């Protein structure tokens, strides 16, 4: 899965919400100049209108945020909301993953296997 770096280029805080729209509760903020990480971008395919108010335009984008300032989170932040830019995002290259696991089988000495998974 792609990983994105999120940054706040504005002078204002950006809201972290419990879902991909302003109709969801605010659960945190990304301060000016701070960064985070995300793993999925949701793009609206049509307008979202609730209670007679336009809450999202077609092509608005929200990113699923997994980390803010080094702290694990689970929320959503506007990349583009009502046609205006919010958070800035950039794609992060996939990383190598080192995995280690043990194998124990009755009658045999246990072993530990370690390997590195590299992106395709």
N, C-alpha and C. Protein backbone atom coordinates (compact mmCIF):
# COMPACT_ATOMS: atom_id res chain seq x y z
N UNK A 1 0.84 -1.18 0.00
CA UNK A 1 0.00 0.00 0.00
C UNK A 1 0.89 1.24 0.00
N UNK A 2 0.46 2.24 -0.71
CA UNK A 2 1.22 3.49 -0.79
C UNK A 2 1.28 4.16 0.56
N UNK A 3 2.35 4.88 0.79
CA UNK A 3 2.45 5.69 2.00
C UNK A 3 2.73 7.12 1.57
N UNK A 4 2.06 8.04 2.25
CA UNK A 4 2.17 9.45 1.92
C UNK A 4 2.69 10.23 3.11
N UNK A 5 3.52 11.24 2.84
CA UNK A 5 3.90 12.19 3.89
C UNK A 5 2.95 13.37 3.78
N UNK A 6 2.46 13.81 4.92
CA UNK A 6 1.51 14.92 4.99
C UNK A 6 2.21 16.09 5.64
N UNK A 7 2.04 17.28 5.08
CA UNK A 7 2.59 18.48 5.72
C UNK A 7 1.55 19.59 5.69
N UNK A 8 1.72 20.56 6.58
CA UNK A 8 0.82 21.69 6.67
C UNK A 8 1.56 22.95 6.24
N UNK A 9 1.34 23.39 4.99
CA UNK A 9 2.06 24.56 4.49
C UNK A 9 1.43 25.89 4.92
N UNK A 10 0.25 25.84 5.53
CA UNK A 10 -0.46 27.08 5.88
C UNK A 10 -0.04 27.60 7.25
N UNK A 11 -0.51 28.78 7.59
CA UNK A 11 -0.25 29.36 8.91
C UNK A 11 -1.28 28.88 9.93
N UNK A 12 -2.33 28.21 9.47
CA UNK A 12 -3.40 27.74 10.35
C UNK A 12 -3.27 26.25 10.62
N UNK A 13 -3.85 25.80 11.72
CA UNK A 13 -3.91 24.38 12.00
C UNK A 13 -4.89 23.72 11.05
N UNK A 14 -4.61 22.46 10.67
CA UNK A 14 -5.53 21.68 9.86
C UNK A 14 -6.19 20.64 10.76
N UNK A 15 -7.48 20.45 10.58
CA UNK A 15 -8.24 19.55 11.44
C UNK A 15 -8.10 18.09 11.03
N UNK A 16 -7.95 17.24 12.04
CA UNK A 16 -8.01 15.79 11.88
C UNK A 16 -9.41 15.39 12.31
N UNK A 17 -10.10 14.64 11.47
CA UNK A 17 -11.50 14.27 11.75
C UNK A 17 -11.66 12.76 11.78
N UNK A 18 -12.76 12.33 12.39
CA UNK A 18 -13.01 10.89 12.54
C UNK A 18 -13.48 10.23 11.24
N UNK A 19 -13.82 11.02 10.23
CA UNK A 19 -14.22 10.51 8.92
C UNK A 19 -13.85 11.51 7.85
N UNK A 20 -14.00 11.14 6.56
CA UNK A 20 -13.53 11.99 5.47
C UNK A 20 -14.52 13.09 5.05
N UNK A 21 -14.88 13.95 6.00
CA UNK A 21 -15.76 15.08 5.72
C UNK A 21 -15.83 15.97 6.95
N UNK A 22 -16.25 17.23 6.75
CA UNK A 22 -16.41 18.15 7.89
C UNK A 22 -17.61 17.78 8.74
N UNK A 23 -18.45 16.85 8.29
CA UNK A 23 -19.58 16.43 9.11
C UNK A 23 -19.14 15.51 10.26
N UNK A 24 -17.91 15.01 10.19
CA UNK A 24 -17.38 14.14 11.25
C UNK A 24 -16.69 14.97 12.33
N UNK A 25 -16.60 14.40 13.53
CA UNK A 25 -16.01 15.10 14.68
C UNK A 25 -14.53 15.41 14.46
N UNK A 26 -14.12 16.55 14.97
CA UNK A 26 -12.70 16.94 14.98
C UNK A 26 -12.05 16.19 16.14
N UNK A 27 -10.95 15.45 15.83
CA UNK A 27 -10.29 14.65 16.87
C UNK A 27 -8.83 15.04 17.08
N UNK A 28 -8.35 16.03 16.33
CA UNK A 28 -6.97 16.48 16.47
C UNK A 28 -6.64 17.56 15.47
N UNK A 29 -5.37 18.00 15.46
CA UNK A 29 -4.94 19.02 14.53
C UNK A 29 -3.51 18.75 14.06
N UNK A 30 -3.20 19.29 12.90
CA UNK A 30 -1.84 19.31 12.39
C UNK A 30 -1.43 20.77 12.35
N UNK A 31 -0.47 21.12 13.19
CA UNK A 31 -0.03 22.51 13.30
C UNK A 31 0.82 22.91 12.10
N UNK A 32 0.90 24.20 11.86
CA UNK A 32 1.71 24.74 10.77
C UNK A 32 3.15 24.23 10.87
N UNK A 33 3.67 23.75 9.74
CA UNK A 33 5.05 23.28 9.69
C UNK A 33 5.26 21.87 10.20
N UNK A 34 4.24 21.22 10.74
CA UNK A 34 4.36 19.85 11.26
C UNK A 34 4.03 18.84 10.17
N UNK A 35 4.34 17.57 10.43
CA UNK A 35 4.14 16.53 9.43
C UNK A 35 3.40 15.33 10.00
N UNK A 36 2.96 14.49 9.09
CA UNK A 36 2.30 13.24 9.45
C UNK A 36 2.43 12.25 8.31
N UNK A 37 1.74 11.14 8.45
CA UNK A 37 1.75 10.10 7.43
C UNK A 37 0.33 9.61 7.19
N UNK A 38 0.10 9.16 5.96
CA UNK A 38 -1.20 8.61 5.60
C UNK A 38 -1.03 7.45 4.65
N UNK A 39 -2.13 6.69 4.46
CA UNK A 39 -2.01 5.49 3.64
C UNK A 39 -3.07 5.35 2.55
N UNK A 40 -4.03 6.27 2.49
CA UNK A 40 -5.11 6.12 1.53
C UNK A 40 -5.73 7.48 1.25
N UNK A 41 -6.03 7.75 -0.01
CA UNK A 41 -6.68 9.02 -0.38
C UNK A 41 -8.08 8.72 -0.91
N UNK A 42 -9.07 9.37 -0.32
CA UNK A 42 -10.45 9.24 -0.74
C UNK A 42 -10.80 10.45 -1.60
N UNK A 43 -11.32 10.22 -2.82
CA UNK A 43 -11.71 11.30 -3.72
C UNK A 43 -13.22 11.25 -3.92
N UNK A 44 -13.88 12.36 -3.63
CA UNK A 44 -15.33 12.44 -3.83
C UNK A 44 -15.64 12.39 -5.32
N UNK A 45 -16.61 11.55 -5.69
CA UNK A 45 -17.03 11.41 -7.08
C UNK A 45 -18.21 12.33 -7.41
N UNK A 46 -18.88 12.83 -6.36
CA UNK A 46 -20.00 13.75 -6.54
C UNK A 46 -20.10 14.64 -5.31
N UNK A 47 -20.90 15.68 -5.39
CA UNK A 47 -21.09 16.58 -4.26
C UNK A 47 -21.70 15.85 -3.08
N UNK A 48 -21.34 16.30 -1.88
CA UNK A 48 -21.99 15.83 -0.66
C UNK A 48 -22.76 17.02 -0.09
N UNK A 49 -24.08 16.88 -0.02
CA UNK A 49 -24.93 17.94 0.51
C UNK A 49 -25.71 17.38 1.68
N UNK A 50 -25.62 18.05 2.84
CA UNK A 50 -26.41 17.67 4.01
C UNK A 50 -27.06 18.92 4.57
N UNK A 51 -28.29 18.79 5.00
CA UNK A 51 -29.04 19.92 5.57
C UNK A 51 -29.00 21.14 4.67
N UNK A 52 -29.02 20.92 3.36
CA UNK A 52 -29.04 22.02 2.42
C UNK A 52 -27.70 22.71 2.21
N UNK A 53 -26.64 22.20 2.84
CA UNK A 53 -25.31 22.81 2.69
C UNK A 53 -24.38 21.85 1.95
N UNK A 54 -23.59 22.41 1.04
CA UNK A 54 -22.58 21.62 0.34
C UNK A 54 -21.42 21.38 1.28
N UNK A 55 -21.15 20.11 1.55
CA UNK A 55 -20.06 19.73 2.47
C UNK A 55 -18.82 19.24 1.74
N UNK A 56 -18.99 18.85 0.47
CA UNK A 56 -17.85 18.42 -0.35
C UNK A 56 -18.23 18.58 -1.82
N UNK A 57 -17.24 18.89 -2.62
CA UNK A 57 -17.43 18.98 -4.06
C UNK A 57 -16.85 17.74 -4.73
N UNK A 58 -17.34 17.44 -5.92
CA UNK A 58 -16.75 16.38 -6.71
C UNK A 58 -15.27 16.71 -6.88
N UNK A 59 -14.40 15.75 -6.69
CA UNK A 59 -12.93 15.83 -6.77
C UNK A 59 -12.27 16.34 -5.49
N UNK A 60 -13.05 16.68 -4.44
CA UNK A 60 -12.42 16.95 -3.14
C UNK A 60 -11.71 15.68 -2.69
N UNK A 61 -10.59 15.86 -1.94
CA UNK A 61 -9.82 14.70 -1.50
C UNK A 61 -9.52 14.77 -0.01
N UNK A 62 -9.61 13.62 0.64
CA UNK A 62 -9.28 13.47 2.05
C UNK A 62 -8.30 12.30 2.18
N UNK A 63 -7.32 12.45 3.06
CA UNK A 63 -6.34 11.39 3.27
C UNK A 63 -6.58 10.72 4.62
N UNK A 64 -6.46 9.39 4.62
CA UNK A 64 -6.54 8.64 5.88
C UNK A 64 -5.19 8.80 6.59
N UNK A 65 -5.22 9.40 7.77
CA UNK A 65 -4.00 9.74 8.51
C UNK A 65 -3.70 8.63 9.53
N UNK A 66 -2.45 8.16 9.51
CA UNK A 66 -2.04 7.10 10.43
C UNK A 66 -1.05 7.57 11.48
N UNK A 67 -0.46 8.76 11.25
CA UNK A 67 0.54 9.29 12.20
C UNK A 67 0.58 10.81 12.09
N UNK A 68 0.61 11.48 13.25
CA UNK A 68 0.80 12.93 13.31
C UNK A 68 1.92 13.23 14.29
N UNK A 69 2.95 13.91 13.81
CA UNK A 69 4.07 14.30 14.67
C UNK A 69 4.64 13.12 15.45
N UNK A 70 4.73 11.96 14.79
CA UNK A 70 5.32 10.78 15.41
C UNK A 70 4.37 9.99 16.30
N UNK A 71 3.11 10.40 16.40
CA UNK A 71 2.12 9.71 17.24
C UNK A 71 1.14 8.97 16.34
N UNK A 72 0.87 7.70 16.64
CA UNK A 72 -0.07 6.91 15.86
C UNK A 72 -1.48 7.45 16.07
N UNK A 73 -2.20 7.68 14.96
CA UNK A 73 -3.58 8.18 15.00
C UNK A 73 -4.40 7.41 13.96
N UNK A 74 -5.70 7.59 14.01
CA UNK A 74 -6.60 7.02 13.02
C UNK A 74 -7.65 8.07 12.71
N UNK A 75 -7.45 8.83 11.63
CA UNK A 75 -8.36 9.91 11.30
C UNK A 75 -8.23 10.31 9.84
N UNK A 76 -8.90 11.41 9.48
CA UNK A 76 -8.94 11.89 8.10
C UNK A 76 -8.65 13.38 8.07
N UNK A 77 -7.96 13.83 7.02
CA UNK A 77 -7.61 15.24 6.86
C UNK A 77 -7.84 15.65 5.41
N UNK A 78 -8.35 16.87 5.22
CA UNK A 78 -8.63 17.38 3.87
C UNK A 78 -7.33 17.70 3.13
N UNK A 79 -7.22 17.17 1.93
CA UNK A 79 -6.17 17.56 1.01
C UNK A 79 -6.72 18.68 0.13
N UNK A 80 -7.97 18.50 -0.30
CA UNK A 80 -8.70 19.53 -1.03
C UNK A 80 -10.14 19.49 -0.54
N UNK A 81 -10.63 20.63 -0.02
CA UNK A 81 -11.99 20.70 0.53
C UNK A 81 -12.70 21.92 -0.05
N UNK A 82 -13.87 21.67 -0.64
CA UNK A 82 -14.64 22.72 -1.33
C UNK A 82 -13.77 23.46 -2.34
N UNK A 83 -12.90 22.67 -3.00
CA UNK A 83 -12.05 23.21 -4.05
C UNK A 83 -10.80 23.93 -3.57
N UNK A 84 -10.63 24.09 -2.25
CA UNK A 84 -9.45 24.79 -1.70
C UNK A 84 -8.43 23.77 -1.17
N UNK A 85 -7.16 24.10 -1.33
CA UNK A 85 -6.10 23.22 -0.85
C UNK A 85 -6.03 23.21 0.66
N UNK A 86 -5.71 22.04 1.21
CA UNK A 86 -5.51 21.89 2.64
C UNK A 86 -4.11 21.35 2.89
N UNK A 87 -4.04 20.12 3.34
CA UNK A 87 -2.76 19.47 3.60
C UNK A 87 -2.03 19.23 2.28
N UNK A 88 -0.70 19.28 2.33
CA UNK A 88 0.13 18.90 1.19
C UNK A 88 0.55 17.46 1.38
N UNK A 89 0.59 16.71 0.29
CA UNK A 89 1.00 15.31 0.38
C UNK A 89 2.07 15.01 -0.65
N UNK A 90 2.93 14.06 -0.30
CA UNK A 90 3.91 13.54 -1.24
C UNK A 90 4.02 12.05 -1.02
N UNK A 91 4.28 11.32 -2.09
CA UNK A 91 4.38 9.87 -2.01
C UNK A 91 5.75 9.49 -1.44
N UNK A 92 5.74 8.55 -0.52
CA UNK A 92 6.97 8.04 0.06
C UNK A 92 7.33 6.73 -0.64
N UNK A 93 8.60 6.54 -0.98
CA UNK A 93 8.97 5.28 -1.62
C UNK A 93 8.77 4.11 -0.65
N UNK A 94 8.40 2.93 -1.18
CA UNK A 94 8.24 1.77 -0.29
C UNK A 94 9.55 1.44 0.39
N UNK A 95 9.45 0.90 1.57
CA UNK A 95 10.64 0.57 2.36
C UNK A 95 10.87 -0.94 2.35
N UNK A 96 12.11 -1.34 2.56
CA UNK A 96 12.41 -2.73 2.81
C UNK A 96 11.87 -3.08 4.20
N UNK A 97 11.37 -4.29 4.33
CA UNK A 97 10.87 -4.75 5.62
C UNK A 97 11.68 -5.96 6.07
N UNK A 98 12.19 -5.92 7.29
CA UNK A 98 12.89 -7.06 7.86
C UNK A 98 11.92 -7.81 8.74
N UNK A 99 11.79 -9.11 8.49
CA UNK A 99 10.87 -9.94 9.27
C UNK A 99 11.66 -11.04 9.96
N UNK A 100 11.24 -11.34 11.18
CA UNK A 100 11.85 -12.41 11.97
C UNK A 100 10.74 -13.23 12.59
N UNK A 101 10.86 -14.52 12.50
CA UNK A 101 9.90 -15.38 13.19
C UNK A 101 10.58 -16.67 13.61
N UNK A 102 10.00 -17.29 14.62
CA UNK A 102 10.55 -18.52 15.16
C UNK A 102 9.69 -19.71 14.76
N UNK A 103 10.36 -20.87 14.66
CA UNK A 103 9.67 -22.12 14.35
C UNK A 103 10.03 -23.12 15.43
N UNK A 104 9.00 -23.67 16.06
CA UNK A 104 9.21 -24.72 17.06
C UNK A 104 8.35 -25.91 16.67
N UNK A 105 8.97 -27.06 16.62
CA UNK A 105 8.28 -28.29 16.27
C UNK A 105 8.72 -29.35 17.27
N UNK A 106 7.76 -30.05 17.84
CA UNK A 106 8.07 -31.05 18.86
C UNK A 106 9.10 -32.06 18.33
N UNK A 107 10.12 -32.31 19.14
CA UNK A 107 11.16 -33.25 18.76
C UNK A 107 12.32 -32.62 18.00
N UNK A 108 12.23 -31.31 17.73
CA UNK A 108 13.29 -30.61 17.00
C UNK A 108 13.72 -29.37 17.78
N UNK A 109 14.97 -28.96 17.55
CA UNK A 109 15.43 -27.72 18.15
C UNK A 109 14.74 -26.54 17.46
N UNK A 110 14.33 -25.53 18.24
CA UNK A 110 13.69 -24.36 17.62
C UNK A 110 14.69 -23.57 16.78
N UNK A 111 14.19 -22.90 15.77
CA UNK A 111 15.03 -22.04 14.93
C UNK A 111 14.35 -20.67 14.78
N UNK A 112 15.17 -19.68 14.47
CA UNK A 112 14.67 -18.33 14.16
C UNK A 112 15.08 -18.00 12.73
N UNK A 113 14.12 -17.55 11.96
CA UNK A 113 14.38 -17.18 10.57
C UNK A 113 14.23 -15.67 10.43
N UNK A 114 15.17 -15.04 9.73
CA UNK A 114 15.12 -13.61 9.48
C UNK A 114 15.36 -13.37 8.00
N UNK A 115 14.58 -12.46 7.44
CA UNK A 115 14.75 -12.13 6.03
C UNK A 115 14.30 -10.70 5.76
N UNK A 116 14.69 -10.19 4.62
CA UNK A 116 14.31 -8.83 4.24
C UNK A 116 13.43 -8.91 3.01
N UNK A 117 12.25 -8.30 3.12
CA UNK A 117 11.32 -8.20 2.00
C UNK A 117 11.59 -6.87 1.32
N UNK A 118 11.76 -6.91 -0.01
CA UNK A 118 12.00 -5.68 -0.76
C UNK A 118 10.84 -5.43 -1.72
N UNK A 119 10.51 -4.17 -1.96
CA UNK A 119 9.40 -3.86 -2.87
C UNK A 119 9.67 -4.36 -4.28
N UNK A 120 8.61 -4.68 -4.99
CA UNK A 120 8.74 -5.12 -6.40
C UNK A 120 9.03 -3.92 -7.27
